Each structure stands twice: as structure tokens, then as C-alpha cells.
Amino acid sequence: MHQAANVQFERAVQEFVRWRAVPVDARSPAPAWWWGPAFEVLGVPQPMPAQWCASLELPDKATYSAGAEIFLNALAGQTSLPWPEEFPRKTGHMDTA
């Protein structure tokens, strides 16, 4: 797998953890910038690092492809996307997670 794809996917995993830590009613929609990293690794059968598997609530040795599905499922069915300043929390929601 290309190093750039790996770095971008790692960034998305870290953002996903921050996003999921926000209560659902205060959470922004999933960001569109996750599409690129997800599609880059979709179909990659290589196992992800254990930390990433845990972060995405996947079993150990889950593949990058399985990780990509997590992001694509988070984006599926959305009718709006957040602006960068509205991520991971909707504007106006100041409670802490």
C-alpha cells in the first residue's frame, strides 16, 4: 500500500475516534474528507495495526478494507456534510465529551 494512503487513513482513524466521542445529538455529520482515504484502501486485504482495529471497534487483524467500510457506512445516507469548523461537534453544542 502506498505510504500516502496509509498516512491519510491513519488521520481519518484518529478523527473518527474524536468524532465518536461526541454525543450523537451534538455530533456533526461525518465529514466528506473521509471518502478519499476510505476509497484508497477499499479492497486492500492487508491487516491494519491493532490500535486502529480497536479504534474502529473491529477485531484484531481486520483489514484496511474492513476499516474503509466503517467510514463509508458513517457517510451513507447523509444529506448534509459539516464545514471543517463544525467537526466533530455541531456548531452551538458546547458540552464536552
Protein backbone atom coordinates (compact mmCIF):
# COMPACT_ATOMS: atom_id res chain seq x y z
CA MET A 1 0.00 0.00 0.00
CA HIS A 2 1.23 3.49 -0.80
CA GLN A 3 2.60 5.40 2.21
CA ALA A 4 0.47 8.48 1.48
CA ALA A 5 -2.72 6.39 1.59
CA ASN A 6 -1.61 4.89 4.89
CA VAL A 7 -0.94 8.32 6.42
CA GLN A 8 -4.30 9.70 5.28
CA PHE A 9 -6.14 6.66 6.58
CA GLU A 10 -4.37 6.96 9.94
CA ARG A 11 -5.52 10.60 10.15
CA ALA A 12 -9.09 9.51 9.41
CA VAL A 13 -8.95 6.84 12.14
CA GLN A 14 -7.80 9.44 14.67
CA GLU A 15 -10.58 11.83 13.60
CA PHE A 16 -13.12 9.03 13.79
CA VAL A 17 -12.22 8.44 17.43
CA ARG A 18 -12.71 12.16 18.22
CA TRP A 19 -16.00 12.20 16.29
CA ARG A 20 -17.40 9.12 18.03
CA ALA A 21 -16.52 10.61 21.44
CA VAL A 22 -19.07 13.40 20.86
CA PRO A 23 -22.63 12.56 21.98
CA VAL A 24 -24.80 11.65 18.99
CA ASP A 25 -27.13 14.65 19.36
CA ALA A 26 -24.15 17.05 19.35
CA ARG A 27 -22.08 15.19 16.73
CA SER A 28 -21.65 16.70 13.29
CA PRO A 29 -22.37 14.63 10.21
CA ALA A 30 -19.41 12.52 9.10
CA PRO A 31 -17.00 14.64 7.05
CA ALA A 32 -16.70 14.22 3.29
CA TRP A 33 -12.91 14.28 3.52
CA TRP A 34 -13.08 10.68 4.82
CA TRP A 35 -14.21 9.47 1.38
CA GLY A 36 -10.76 9.73 -0.21
CA PRO A 37 -8.83 7.75 2.41
CA ALA A 38 -11.63 5.17 2.59
CA PHE A 39 -11.72 4.60 -1.16
CA GLU A 40 -7.91 4.43 -1.29
CA VAL A 41 -7.89 1.36 0.98
CA LEU A 42 -11.19 -0.22 -0.04
CA GLY A 43 -10.33 -3.72 -1.21
CA VAL A 44 -6.89 -3.78 0.48
CA PRO A 45 -6.65 -7.18 2.23
CA GLN A 46 -3.68 -6.19 4.41
CA PRO A 47 -4.39 -6.20 8.17
CA MET A 48 -4.48 -2.85 9.92
CA PRO A 49 -2.42 -2.12 13.04
CA ALA A 50 -4.10 -3.46 16.20
CA GLN A 51 -4.58 0.07 17.59
CA TRP A 52 -6.57 1.10 14.53
CA CYS A 53 -8.70 -2.04 14.71
CA ALA A 54 -9.52 -1.22 18.33
CA SER A 55 -10.23 2.43 17.48
CA LEU A 56 -12.69 1.38 14.78
CA GLU A 57 -14.19 -1.32 17.05
CA LEU A 58 -13.06 -4.07 14.68
CA PRO A 59 -11.45 -7.39 15.64
CA ASP A 60 -7.67 -7.70 15.69
CA LYS A 61 -6.15 -8.22 12.25
CA ALA A 62 -9.16 -6.65 10.50
CA THR A 63 -8.24 -5.49 7.02
CA TYR A 64 -7.91 -1.99 5.69
CA SER A 65 -10.91 -2.82 3.53
CA ALA A 66 -12.99 -3.53 6.66
CA GLY A 67 -11.82 -0.21 8.09
CA ALA A 68 -12.86 1.57 4.90
CA GLU A 69 -16.35 0.12 5.27
CA ILE A 70 -16.66 1.78 8.70
CA PHE A 71 -16.09 5.19 7.10
CA LEU A 72 -18.33 4.57 4.12
CA ASN A 73 -21.12 3.37 6.42
CA ALA A 74 -20.76 6.53 8.51
CA LEU A 75 -21.22 8.59 5.35
CA ALA A 76 -24.04 6.53 3.82
CA GLY A 77 -27.40 8.20 3.72
CA GLN A 78 -26.25 11.60 4.89
CA THR A 79 -27.96 14.58 3.35
CA SER A 80 -25.50 17.19 4.63
CA LEU A 81 -21.82 17.47 5.42
CA PRO A 82 -20.06 19.60 8.03
CA TRP A 83 -17.79 22.54 7.38
CA PRO A 84 -14.33 21.96 8.88
CA GLU A 85 -15.08 24.26 11.84
CA GLU A 86 -18.23 22.21 12.58
CA PHE A 87 -16.30 18.96 13.07
CA PRO A 88 -16.59 16.88 15.20
CA ARG A 89 -19.27 18.84 17.02
CA LYS A 90 -22.25 20.70 15.54
CA THR A 91 -21.98 24.46 15.84
CA GLY A 92 -23.60 25.69 19.05
CA HIS A 93 -23.03 22.48 21.04
CA MET A 94 -20.50 23.30 23.72
CA ASP A 95 -20.95 20.33 26.08
CA THR A 96 -17.74 18.34 26.45
CA ALA A 97 -17.30 14.73 25.57
